[in-house]
Amino acid sequence: MIKLFRAIRSKSIKKENIKRYFVYAIGEIFLVMIGILLALQVNNWNQHSIEKRKEKKALTDLYKEFKLNKERISDKQQLRVSIVPKLKKYIGEVSSGKATYNAFKEFHTNQFMFGMTNPSKGVIDALISSGEIGLISNDSLKYYISDWKNQVENLYENEQILWNSGLNYIESYAKSIPIPSHEWNDWNEEKLELAFKEVVSNVGYKNNLIGFEGANAIVIQECEDILKSLDAILTILEKDNK
């Protein structure tokens, strides 16, 4: 098409038809502009297509990571919730003055400290460091993701407090009575009962026991809130990944 315009332009110049020359010159410029615009449009379409593929992969990776985090947090949550009735029962016996060594043994034979959850945030960190977090088009999802880092940090801090509370509680009786999960030949029932009475009469022991219960309750409540956020995030990701 451009060659045709150039031929007509050349012919017009030879015939000294300046008016026709300008018309065809403008037409040639118009075609060039159309070509440039089409090229830009194609480039934009290609770029948009690339970004959509990247967003799709990011959403898939985020779904896998958040699903894994929900499993990890749920597992720890179930363990912490499972000790609540045992802990309440034991504290009730201690508070009423009816606790015996058998009550102490019943509670301490089972595990009651479960460590840190350590949720994964590798995908989010990678998206943020690469700048690809901006590819996510869902505003609600971006809000949850931006808040997730704070939630993880708060959970770790409270789990650390809970862990330290458990260690303080264990320390308050560790030098006075053996750990009930083991049997000791030089400790008979009478000696164990006397040692327990000494332990349970100590106000530090009681305070540490109550402190551990309170810290456990705080982490359980925080995990409930986090699991609600995870459910909302996974719902959005499931919808956007379809």
Protein backbone atom coordinates (compact mmCIF):
# COMPACT_ATOMS: atom_id res chain seq x y z
CA MET A 1 0.00 0.00 0.00
CA ILE A 2 2.82 2.38 0.87
CA LYS A 3 4.56 1.60 -2.44
CA LEU A 4 1.36 2.53 -4.28
CA PHE A 5 1.21 5.88 -2.46
CA ARG A 6 4.85 6.54 -3.29
CA ALA A 7 4.27 5.81 -6.99
CA ILE A 8 1.29 8.14 -7.08
CA ARG A 9 3.26 10.79 -5.22
CA SER A 10 6.13 10.56 -7.68
CA LYS A 11 3.74 10.84 -10.59
CA SER A 12 2.02 13.85 -8.98
CA ILE A 13 5.32 15.63 -8.48
CA LYS A 14 6.26 15.12 -12.12
CA LYS A 15 2.98 16.61 -13.21
CA GLU A 16 3.54 19.44 -10.73
CA ASN A 17 0.24 18.61 -9.03
CA ILE A 18 1.18 19.85 -5.58
CA LYS A 19 -2.33 19.47 -4.16
CA ARG A 20 -2.55 15.78 -5.00
CA TYR A 21 0.98 15.32 -3.70
CA PHE A 22 0.02 16.63 -0.24
CA VAL A 23 -3.11 14.44 -0.16
CA TYR A 24 -1.13 11.32 -0.83
CA ALA A 25 1.65 12.40 1.52
CA ILE A 26 -0.88 12.76 4.29
CA GLY A 27 -2.32 9.36 3.41
CA GLU A 28 1.15 7.83 3.61
CA ILE A 29 1.72 9.39 7.04
CA PHE A 30 -1.69 8.10 8.16
CA LEU A 31 -0.79 4.56 7.12
CA VAL A 32 2.51 4.74 8.98
CA MET A 33 0.70 5.93 12.11
CA ILE A 34 -1.85 3.11 11.79
CA GLY A 35 1.01 0.64 11.51
CA ILE A 36 2.69 2.02 14.60
CA LEU A 37 -0.55 1.92 16.58
CA LEU A 38 -1.22 -1.66 15.52
CA ALA A 39 2.32 -2.65 16.50
CA LEU A 40 1.86 -1.01 19.91
CA GLN A 41 -1.49 -2.74 20.32
CA VAL A 42 0.04 -6.13 19.52
CA ASN A 43 2.93 -5.43 21.90
CA ASN A 44 0.51 -4.43 24.67
CA TRP A 45 -1.55 -7.55 24.06
CA ASN A 46 1.56 -9.73 24.24
CA GLN A 47 2.69 -8.01 27.45
CA HIS A 48 -0.77 -8.40 28.97
CA SER A 49 -0.77 -12.08 28.01
CA ILE A 50 2.65 -12.57 29.65
CA GLU A 51 1.53 -10.82 32.83
CA LYS A 52 -1.65 -12.92 33.00
CA ARG A 53 0.39 -16.11 32.74
CA LYS A 54 2.69 -14.87 35.52
CA GLU A 55 -0.32 -13.95 37.66
CA LYS A 56 -1.83 -17.39 37.07
CA LYS A 57 1.38 -19.09 38.21
CA ALA A 58 1.62 -16.79 41.23
CA LEU A 59 -1.96 -17.62 42.24
CA THR A 60 -1.28 -21.35 41.87
CA ASP A 61 1.90 -21.13 43.98
CA LEU A 62 0.13 -19.02 46.60
CA TYR A 63 -2.73 -21.53 46.80
CA LYS A 64 -0.28 -24.38 47.48
CA GLU A 65 1.58 -22.36 50.12
CA PHE A 66 -1.53 -21.16 51.94
CA LYS A 67 -3.05 -24.64 51.86
CA LEU A 68 0.14 -26.01 53.44
CA ASN A 69 0.04 -23.25 56.06
CA LYS A 70 -3.55 -24.07 56.93
CA GLU A 71 -2.61 -27.73 57.47
CA ARG A 72 0.35 -26.79 59.68
CA ILE A 73 -1.58 -24.30 61.79
CA SER A 74 -4.62 -26.62 62.05
CA ASP A 75 -2.43 -29.49 63.26
CA LYS A 76 -0.86 -27.37 66.01
CA GLN A 77 -4.25 -25.88 66.86
CA GLN A 78 -5.79 -29.32 67.39
CA LEU A 79 -2.93 -30.33 69.69
CA ARG A 80 -3.25 -27.18 71.81
CA VAL A 81 -7.02 -27.45 71.97
CA SER A 82 -6.75 -31.11 73.00
CA ILE A 83 -4.92 -30.27 76.24
CA VAL A 84 -7.41 -27.57 77.33
CA PRO A 85 -9.82 -29.90 79.20
CA LYS A 86 -6.93 -31.78 80.83
CA LEU A 87 -5.32 -28.51 81.84
CA LYS A 88 -8.55 -27.11 83.26
CA LYS A 89 -9.21 -30.32 85.19
CA TYR A 90 -5.75 -30.32 86.72
CA ILE A 91 -5.87 -26.60 87.60
CA GLY A 92 -9.27 -27.16 89.21
CA GLU A 93 -7.86 -29.91 91.39
CA VAL A 94 -4.86 -27.79 92.35
CA SER A 95 -7.06 -24.77 93.12
CA SER A 96 -9.43 -26.80 95.30
CA GLY A 97 -6.56 -28.39 97.20
CA LYS A 98 -7.65 -31.88 96.07
CA ALA A 99 -4.77 -32.53 93.68
CA THR A 100 -2.71 -35.67 94.33
CA TYR A 101 0.43 -37.01 92.72
CA ASN A 102 -1.77 -39.16 90.47
CA ALA A 103 -3.43 -36.02 89.11
CA PHE A 104 0.00 -34.55 88.48
CA LYS A 105 1.12 -37.74 86.77
CA GLU A 106 -2.04 -37.97 84.67
CA PHE A 107 -1.51 -34.48 83.25
CA HIS A 108 2.26 -34.72 82.76
CA THR A 109 2.41 -38.16 81.23
CA ASN A 110 1.08 -36.70 77.95
CA GLN A 111 2.77 -33.99 75.90
CA PHE A 112 1.53 -30.47 76.56
CA MET A 113 4.14 -28.37 74.71
CA PHE A 114 4.15 -28.39 70.91
CA GLY A 115 6.68 -25.84 69.65
CA MET A 116 6.40 -23.32 66.82
CA THR A 117 4.19 -23.52 63.76
CA ASN A 118 6.63 -21.72 61.42
CA PRO A 119 4.19 -20.97 58.56
CA SER A 120 5.75 -20.79 55.09
CA LYS A 121 5.95 -17.39 53.37
CA GLY A 122 8.55 -18.17 50.70
CA VAL A 123 6.20 -17.56 47.75
CA ILE A 124 5.05 -14.20 49.13
CA ASP A 125 8.63 -13.11 49.86
CA ALA A 126 9.67 -14.07 46.31
CA LEU A 127 6.75 -12.15 44.79
CA ILE A 128 7.55 -9.06 46.87
CA SER A 129 11.31 -9.13 46.15
CA SER A 130 10.72 -9.57 42.40
CA GLY A 131 8.01 -6.92 42.27
CA GLU A 132 5.55 -9.42 40.82
CA ILE A 133 3.19 -8.96 43.75
CA GLY A 134 1.76 -6.09 41.69
CA LEU A 135 0.55 -8.58 39.08
CA ILE A 136 -2.21 -9.74 41.42
CA SER A 137 -5.36 -7.97 40.27
CA ASN A 138 -7.69 -8.98 43.12
CA ASP A 139 -7.65 -6.14 45.67
CA SER A 140 -9.07 -8.29 48.48
CA LEU A 141 -6.36 -10.89 47.96
CA LYS A 142 -3.65 -8.22 47.98
CA TYR A 143 -5.00 -6.94 51.31
CA TYR A 144 -4.91 -10.41 52.89
CA ILE A 145 -1.41 -11.06 51.55
CA SER A 146 -0.07 -7.75 52.86
CA ASP A 147 -1.55 -8.55 56.29
CA TRP A 148 -0.26 -12.14 56.31
CA LYS A 149 3.31 -11.17 57.20
CA ASN A 150 2.11 -9.35 60.33
CA GLN A 151 -0.08 -12.30 61.30
CA VAL A 152 2.85 -14.72 60.97
CA GLU A 153 5.12 -12.47 63.05
CA ASN A 154 2.49 -12.07 65.78
CA LEU A 155 1.85 -15.81 65.84
CA TYR A 156 5.56 -16.55 66.22
CA GLU A 157 5.89 -14.04 69.08
CA ASN A 158 2.93 -15.50 70.96
CA GLU A 159 4.07 -19.06 70.35
CA GLN A 160 7.46 -18.06 71.73
CA ILE A 161 5.73 -16.63 74.83
CA LEU A 162 3.77 -19.87 75.20
CA TRP A 163 6.93 -21.95 74.84
CA ASN A 164 8.74 -19.89 77.47
CA SER A 165 5.70 -20.14 79.77
CA GLY A 166 5.87 -23.92 79.45
CA LEU A 167 9.57 -23.93 80.25
CA ASN A 168 9.01 -21.70 83.29
CA TYR A 169 6.28 -24.04 84.49
CA ILE A 170 8.49 -27.12 84.11
CA GLU A 171 11.34 -25.34 85.85
CA SER A 172 9.08 -24.60 88.84
CA TYR A 173 8.85 -28.31 89.71
CA ALA A 174 11.82 -29.91 87.90
CA LYS A 175 14.19 -29.69 90.89
CA SER A 176 11.66 -31.06 93.35
CA ILE A 177 10.01 -34.04 91.69
CA PRO A 178 10.90 -36.40 88.82
CA ILE A 179 9.25 -36.13 85.43
CA PRO A 180 6.23 -38.49 85.61
CA SER A 181 6.85 -40.00 82.18
CA HIS A 182 9.74 -41.99 83.71
CA GLU A 183 9.88 -44.41 86.62
CA TRP A 184 12.64 -44.12 89.20
CA ASN A 185 13.66 -46.98 91.49
CA ASP A 186 14.61 -44.66 94.33
CA TRP A 187 11.22 -42.89 94.31
CA ASN A 188 8.31 -44.81 95.83
CA GLU A 189 4.68 -43.64 95.94
CA GLU A 190 5.00 -42.14 99.42
CA LYS A 191 8.09 -40.14 98.49
CA LEU A 192 6.45 -38.93 95.27
CA GLU A 193 3.31 -37.85 97.11
CA LEU A 194 5.31 -35.89 99.69
CA ALA A 195 7.36 -34.22 96.95
CA PHE A 196 4.20 -33.27 95.07
CA LYS A 197 2.63 -31.70 98.16
CA GLU A 198 5.71 -29.55 98.52
CA VAL A 199 5.55 -28.54 94.83
CA VAL A 200 1.84 -27.75 94.81
CA SER A 201 2.12 -25.63 97.94
CA ASN A 202 4.57 -23.33 96.16
CA VAL A 203 2.89 -20.16 94.84
CA GLY A 204 5.43 -19.90 92.02
CA TYR A 205 4.33 -23.30 90.73
CA LYS A 206 0.67 -22.27 90.78
CA ASN A 207 1.37 -18.95 89.07
CA ASN A 208 3.40 -20.61 86.33
CA LEU A 209 0.66 -23.19 85.79
CA ILE A 210 -1.96 -20.45 85.38
CA GLY A 211 0.41 -18.46 83.18
CA PHE A 212 0.87 -21.41 80.86
CA GLU A 213 -2.90 -21.90 80.59
CA GLY A 214 -3.37 -18.21 79.73
CA ALA A 215 -0.64 -18.22 77.08
CA ASN A 216 -2.11 -21.37 75.54
CA ALA A 217 -5.56 -19.74 75.38
CA ILE A 218 -4.12 -16.65 73.65
CA VAL A 219 -2.39 -18.70 70.96
CA ILE A 220 -5.52 -20.78 70.38
CA GLN A 221 -7.60 -17.64 69.87
CA GLU A 222 -5.00 -16.14 67.56
CA CYS A 223 -4.88 -19.33 65.51
CA GLU A 224 -8.66 -19.26 65.18
CA ASP A 225 -8.46 -15.77 63.68
CA ILE A 226 -5.61 -16.79 61.37
CA LEU A 227 -7.49 -19.87 60.17
CA LYS A 228 -10.47 -17.66 59.28
CA SER A 229 -8.15 -15.46 57.23
CA LEU A 230 -6.66 -18.54 55.56
CA ASP A 231 -10.13 -19.80 54.65
CA ALA A 232 -10.92 -16.41 53.07
CA ILE A 233 -7.62 -16.41 51.16
CA LEU A 234 -8.08 -19.97 49.89
CA THR A 235 -11.65 -19.19 48.80
CA ILE A 236 -10.40 -16.25 46.71
CA LEU A 237 -7.53 -18.28 45.26
CA GLU A 238 -9.79 -21.20 44.36
CA LYS A 239 -12.13 -18.82 42.54
CA ASP A 240 -9.33 -16.95 40.72
CA ASN A 241 -7.57 -20.19 39.72
CA LYS A 242 -10.62 -21.50 37.85
